[in-house]
Protein backbone atom coordinates (compact mmCIF):
# COMPACT_ATOMS: atom_id res chain seq x y z
CA MET A 1 10.88 18.55 24.79
CA THR A 2 11.00 16.35 21.65
CA SER A 3 11.77 18.32 18.50
CA SER A 4 9.79 17.89 15.31
CA ASP A 5 12.88 16.33 13.68
CA ASP A 6 13.14 13.76 16.49
CA LEU A 7 9.44 12.99 16.19
CA GLU A 8 9.75 12.47 12.43
CA ALA A 9 12.77 10.17 12.89
CA ARG A 10 10.93 8.09 15.49
CA LEU A 11 7.89 7.73 13.24
CA ARG A 12 10.11 6.53 10.38
CA ASP A 13 11.82 4.00 12.66
CA LEU A 14 8.46 2.75 13.90
CA GLY A 15 7.22 2.33 10.34
CA GLU A 16 10.01 -0.14 9.59
CA PHE A 17 8.55 -2.59 12.12
CA LEU A 18 4.86 -2.25 11.24
CA ASP A 19 3.15 -4.84 9.04
CA VAL A 20 -0.53 -3.97 9.33
CA PRO A 21 -3.02 -4.56 6.45
CA SER A 22 -4.17 -1.19 5.16
CA PRO A 23 -7.90 -0.42 5.25
CA PRO A 24 -9.50 1.15 2.18
CA PRO A 25 -8.17 4.72 1.69
CA ALA A 26 -11.64 6.24 2.01
CA GLU A 27 -12.00 4.79 5.52
CA VAL A 28 -8.58 6.12 6.55
CA ALA A 29 -9.44 9.56 5.24
CA ARG A 30 -12.76 9.65 7.14
CA ALA A 31 -11.13 8.58 10.39
CA VAL A 32 -8.29 11.10 10.11
CA ARG A 33 -10.67 13.90 9.13
CA ALA A 34 -12.83 13.19 12.19
CA ARG A 35 -9.72 13.35 14.40
CA LEU A 36 -8.66 16.64 12.88
CA GLU A 37 -12.07 18.15 13.54
CA GLU A 38 -11.88 17.43 17.28
CA PRO A 39 -11.66 20.74 19.21
CA VAL A 40 -8.22 21.58 20.67
CA PRO A 41 -8.26 23.42 24.04
CA GLU A 42 -6.90 26.94 23.85
CA ALA A 43 -3.99 27.84 26.12
CA PRO A 44 -5.02 30.28 28.90
CA ALA A 45 -3.46 33.72 29.08
CA VAL A 46 -0.39 33.88 31.38
CA THR A 47 -1.14 36.41 34.13
CA GLY A 48 -0.27 36.62 37.79
CA GLY A 49 2.73 35.20 39.67
CA ARG A 50 5.04 32.22 39.41
CA GLY A 51 2.20 29.65 39.81
CA ALA A 52 0.34 31.20 36.93
CA LEU A 53 3.52 31.07 34.84
CA ARG A 54 3.88 27.33 35.52
CA ARG A 55 0.23 26.79 34.54
CA GLY A 56 0.75 28.78 31.34
CA TRP A 57 3.89 26.77 30.48
CA GLY A 58 1.94 23.52 30.98
CA ALA A 59 -0.80 24.74 28.69
CA LEU A 60 1.76 25.61 26.03
CA ARG A 61 3.20 22.08 26.30
CA VAL A 62 -0.32 20.62 25.85
CA GLY A 63 -0.85 22.90 22.89
CA GLY A 64 2.47 21.78 21.41
CA ARG A 65 1.47 18.14 21.66
CA ALA A 66 -1.87 18.92 20.06
CA ARG A 67 -0.10 20.69 17.21
CA ARG A 68 2.23 17.72 16.71
CA ARG A 69 -0.77 15.37 16.63
CA ALA A 70 -2.39 17.61 14.06
CA VAL A 71 0.75 17.56 11.90
CA VAL A 72 0.94 13.75 12.07
CA ALA A 73 -2.77 13.48 11.27
CA ALA A 74 -2.40 15.85 8.33
CA VAL A 75 0.45 13.75 6.95
CA ALA A 76 -1.67 10.62 7.38
CA ILE A 77 -4.60 12.07 5.47
CA LEU A 78 -2.31 13.20 2.65
CA VAL A 79 -0.87 9.69 2.45
CA ALA A 80 -4.40 8.23 2.41
CA LEU A 81 -5.44 10.57 -0.39
CA PHE A 82 -2.29 9.66 -2.35
CA LEU A 83 -3.00 5.94 -1.92
CA GLY A 84 -6.53 6.38 -3.19
CA ALA A 85 -5.70 8.70 -6.07
CA THR A 86 -2.72 7.10 -7.82
CA PRO A 87 -2.19 3.69 -9.47
CA VAL A 88 0.93 3.10 -7.37
CA GLY A 89 -0.97 3.98 -4.23
CA ARG A 90 -3.93 1.76 -5.07
CA ALA A 91 -1.58 -1.16 -5.70
CA ALA A 92 0.01 -0.58 -2.29
CA VAL A 93 -3.26 -1.09 -0.40
CA VAL A 94 -4.30 -4.35 -2.05
CA GLU A 95 -4.96 -6.94 0.65
CA ILE A 96 -4.67 -10.64 -0.19
CA LEU A 97 -6.84 -13.10 1.72
CA ARG A 98 -6.88 -16.85 1.07
CA PHE A 99 -10.11 -18.54 2.03
CA ALA A 100 -11.56 -21.96 1.13
CA GLY A 101 -9.22 -22.44 -1.83
CA VAL A 102 -9.81 -18.93 -3.22
CA GLU A 103 -7.34 -16.04 -3.27
CA LEU A 104 -9.22 -12.80 -2.66
CA ARG A 105 -7.33 -9.71 -3.83
CA ILE A 106 -9.14 -6.81 -2.16
CA GLY A 107 -8.36 -3.30 -3.37
CA ASP A 108 -8.83 -1.54 -6.70
CA PRO A 109 -9.71 -4.28 -9.21
CA GLY A 110 -9.81 -2.02 -12.24
CA PRO A 111 -12.38 -2.55 -15.02
CA LEU A 112 -14.24 -5.84 -15.27
CA PRO A 113 -13.00 -8.30 -17.91
CA SER A 114 -15.06 -8.01 -21.09
CA TRP A 115 -14.27 -11.31 -22.81
CA ALA A 116 -16.33 -14.49 -22.63
CA PRO A 117 -15.24 -17.22 -20.18
CA ARG A 118 -13.03 -20.00 -21.49
CA PRO A 119 -13.34 -23.65 -20.44
CA LEU A 120 -11.14 -24.73 -17.55
CA PRO A 121 -8.14 -26.96 -18.41
CA GLY A 122 -9.33 -30.37 -19.62
CA GLU A 123 -12.97 -29.48 -19.01
CA ARG A 124 -15.52 -32.02 -20.27
CA ARG A 125 -19.18 -32.77 -19.77
CA VAL A 126 -20.07 -35.88 -17.79
CA THR A 127 -22.96 -37.30 -15.81
CA LEU A 128 -23.14 -36.84 -12.06
CA GLU A 129 -22.38 -40.54 -11.61
CA GLN A 130 -19.31 -40.32 -13.85
CA ALA A 131 -18.10 -37.23 -12.01
CA GLY A 132 -18.28 -39.09 -8.71
CA ARG A 133 -15.80 -41.65 -10.04
CA GLN A 134 -13.39 -39.04 -11.41
CA VAL A 135 -12.89 -36.77 -8.41
CA ALA A 136 -11.22 -37.58 -5.09
CA PHE A 137 -13.90 -36.01 -2.88
CA PRO A 138 -17.64 -36.53 -2.36
CA ILE A 139 -19.80 -34.35 -4.63
CA ALA A 140 -22.47 -32.38 -2.80
CA VAL A 141 -25.74 -31.34 -4.47
CA PRO A 142 -28.05 -28.57 -3.12
CA ALA A 143 -31.48 -30.01 -2.37
CA ALA A 144 -32.92 -26.53 -3.03
CA LEU A 145 -31.92 -26.82 -6.70
CA GLY A 146 -32.32 -30.53 -7.41
CA GLU A 147 -30.37 -32.42 -10.07
CA PRO A 148 -28.04 -30.14 -12.08
CA ALA A 149 -28.81 -29.44 -15.72
CA GLU A 150 -25.14 -30.00 -16.58
CA VAL A 151 -22.05 -31.45 -14.90
CA ARG A 152 -18.43 -30.76 -15.89
CA VAL A 153 -15.13 -32.15 -14.61
CA SER A 154 -11.90 -30.17 -15.16
CA ASP A 155 -8.15 -30.33 -14.67
CA GLY A 156 -7.88 -34.09 -14.15
CA GLY A 157 -10.66 -34.25 -11.57
CA ARG A 158 -9.51 -31.25 -9.56
CA VAL A 159 -12.77 -29.34 -10.08
CA VAL A 160 -16.37 -30.45 -10.61
CA SER A 161 -18.91 -27.85 -11.73
CA LEU A 162 -22.67 -28.26 -11.35
CA LEU A 163 -24.77 -25.92 -13.49
CA TRP A 164 -28.39 -24.77 -13.42
CA PRO A 165 -29.86 -21.85 -15.42
CA GLY A 166 -28.10 -18.76 -14.07
CA LEU A 167 -26.32 -20.66 -11.28
CA ARG A 168 -23.00 -22.48 -10.98
CA LEU A 169 -21.56 -24.48 -8.09
CA ASP A 170 -17.85 -25.30 -8.32
CA GLU A 171 -16.46 -27.92 -5.91
CA TYR A 172 -12.72 -28.50 -5.52
CA ASP A 173 -9.93 -29.32 -3.09
CA GLY A 174 -10.06 -26.38 -0.66
CA GLY A 175 -6.64 -27.05 0.87
CA LEU A 176 -3.47 -24.97 0.88
CA LEU A 177 -3.07 -24.02 -2.78
CA PRO A 178 -5.63 -21.57 -4.18
CA VAL A 179 -7.79 -22.77 -7.06
CA TYR A 180 -9.33 -19.41 -8.03
CA ARG A 181 -8.31 -15.77 -7.78
CA LYS A 182 -10.89 -13.01 -7.38
CA GLU A 183 -10.16 -9.30 -7.95
CA LEU A 184 -12.47 -7.42 -5.58
CA GLY A 185 -13.34 -3.79 -4.98
CA PRO A 186 -16.19 -2.19 -3.03
CA PRO A 187 -18.66 -3.28 -1.84
CA TRP A 188 -16.29 -5.42 0.23
CA PRO A 189 -16.83 -9.14 0.96
CA GLN A 190 -19.19 -9.88 3.81
CA GLU A 191 -18.41 -12.57 6.39
CA THR A 192 -21.27 -14.97 7.11
CA ARG A 193 -21.82 -18.64 8.00
CA VAL A 194 -23.14 -21.79 6.37
CA GLY A 195 -24.07 -23.98 9.32
CA ASP A 196 -20.93 -24.19 11.45
CA ALA A 197 -18.63 -23.15 8.61
CA GLN A 198 -17.35 -19.65 8.01
CA ALA A 199 -18.30 -18.21 4.61
CA GLN A 200 -17.65 -15.12 2.50
CA TRP A 201 -20.36 -13.41 0.44
CA ILE A 202 -19.10 -11.34 -2.51
CA PRO A 203 -22.03 -9.10 -3.49
CA ALA A 204 -20.67 -7.45 -6.64
CA HIS A 205 -19.52 -8.59 -10.07
CA HIS A 206 -15.76 -9.16 -10.11
CA GLY A 207 -12.86 -10.64 -12.08
CA LEU A 208 -12.30 -14.39 -11.69
CA THR A 209 -9.19 -16.34 -12.74
CA TYR A 210 -8.59 -20.08 -12.53
CA LEU A 211 -5.17 -21.01 -11.09
CA PRO A 212 -3.87 -24.28 -12.58
CA ARG A 213 -2.74 -27.30 -10.61
CA GLY A 214 0.73 -26.96 -9.06
CA GLY A 215 0.50 -23.24 -8.27
CA GLY A 216 1.85 -22.03 -11.63
CA GLU A 217 0.81 -18.91 -13.51
CA ALA A 218 -2.82 -18.63 -14.56
CA GLU A 219 -3.40 -20.18 -17.97
CA ALA A 220 -6.80 -18.67 -18.72
CA ARG A 221 -7.71 -15.01 -18.93
CA PRO A 222 -9.91 -13.66 -16.13
CA ARG A 223 -13.65 -13.53 -16.72
CA ALA A 224 -16.42 -11.51 -15.13
CA ALA A 225 -18.14 -13.43 -12.32
CA GLY A 226 -21.43 -12.61 -10.64
CA PRO A 227 -22.21 -12.40 -6.91
CA THR A 228 -20.69 -15.43 -5.21
CA LEU A 229 -20.79 -17.30 -1.91
CA ILE A 230 -17.62 -19.17 -0.84
CA TRP A 231 -17.38 -21.71 1.97
CA ARG A 232 -15.72 -24.99 2.91
CA ARG A 233 -17.32 -28.35 3.61
CA GLY A 234 -14.66 -30.48 5.28
CA GLN A 235 -11.64 -30.17 2.97
CA VAL A 236 -13.79 -29.34 -0.06
CA GLY A 237 -14.13 -25.73 -1.17
CA LEU A 238 -17.44 -24.60 -2.68
CA ARG A 239 -18.05 -21.56 -4.86
CA LEU A 240 -21.70 -20.76 -5.58
CA GLU A 241 -22.03 -18.13 -8.31
CA GLY A 242 -25.21 -16.45 -9.49
CA PRO A 243 -27.65 -15.90 -6.59
CA GLY A 244 -28.92 -12.34 -6.59
CA ASP A 245 -28.72 -11.82 -2.85
CA ILE A 246 -27.15 -13.32 0.25
CA GLY A 247 -30.45 -14.73 1.52
CA ARG A 248 -30.96 -16.89 -1.57
CA ALA A 249 -27.28 -17.90 -1.59
CA LEU A 250 -27.43 -19.09 2.03
CA GLU A 251 -30.70 -20.94 1.41
CA ILE A 252 -29.05 -22.91 -1.41
CA ALA A 253 -25.80 -23.48 0.49
CA ARG A 254 -27.55 -24.75 3.62
CA SER A 255 -29.43 -27.32 1.55
CA VAL A 256 -26.23 -28.93 0.23
CA ARG A 257 -26.21 -32.70 0.93
């Protein structure tokens, strides 16, 4: 029979080879708690002859395994509670996802930034026609919104921003290097689709940071961003900020031409 010390050593060895993204601590805690609440069969009383003794010994072995599972589950729930309750633990469960030129840091984002947004590097106002000559990709305009009230080009033509009252559509090279970083907490991003393209809907306000060309450190402080839809159109990443719900966001995104 495996001793508790052997079991602990094996679990530690196994942990060295695991590289699995951690789910939010609350989900881990709920799953472990449900497992702990499962009824464990009681071992029958050992009476009678040798056959009854063998049956009783088997029941004790089953009970021993159940107790070991309970110990492992208890340790897991304590770890989950530690991860959710301490700054070090919360940092350990941050998951980083890169999608359509945006780095999504999913975990505990902390308080929202309180300062006003700064212009992007080299940002200037232009006409839509001028913007088309200054960027290396075709600019798409949502038919559902019509001509933008304002157009801006930033960072040497890396980003073009179309603005309407309460709405902003950023278009940029959605290749390998991330252009924006988003600090996200619950409610978690929701996967959806814009036509044939995969998309991510971010329903809550969150911190947004622009990452300068070349992959260096962020130059601007993060700002608070509203609900946002992110998707890719060819090699162009699109970030639609401002729609109040996913239905309106998808209606706008699907009208992009």
